[in-house]
C-alpha cells in the first residue's frame, strides 16, 4: 500500500479544510499524532487557516498555542494568519506583539 506520511496527511487536510469540514480536519490532526506522524507547520497552518476562514477564531488561536507548546516554529504564512485573526477580532495589542515578533525572527509581512 501507499505509505501514509506527513505529506499525504497535509494533502488530505488541505482538501478537507477547503471543503469546510473543520471538525474532521481537527480529528485528523489528532490521528496523525496518535499514529506517530508528527504534524508540521504546514499541517497546523492548514487547519488554522480553515478555522479562521470559518470564523472559528478561538479554535484557530488554540492551535497556535499548541504549535508553540510543541516547539513548531511559525512561518510567514502562519504569522500572517495570526495577524489576520487578531485584526478581525479587534485585539490590536496582540496584533502589534505578533508584528514585533515577526520582525525579531526576521520574517517580513
Foldseek 3Di string as FASTA:
>chain_A
DDDDALVVLLVVLLVCLVVLVLVVLVVSQVVCVVVVHHHALSSLLSSLLSCVVVVNLVVSVVSVVVCVVVVHDHALSSLVSVLVSCVVVVVVVVNVVSCVVCVVVPHDD
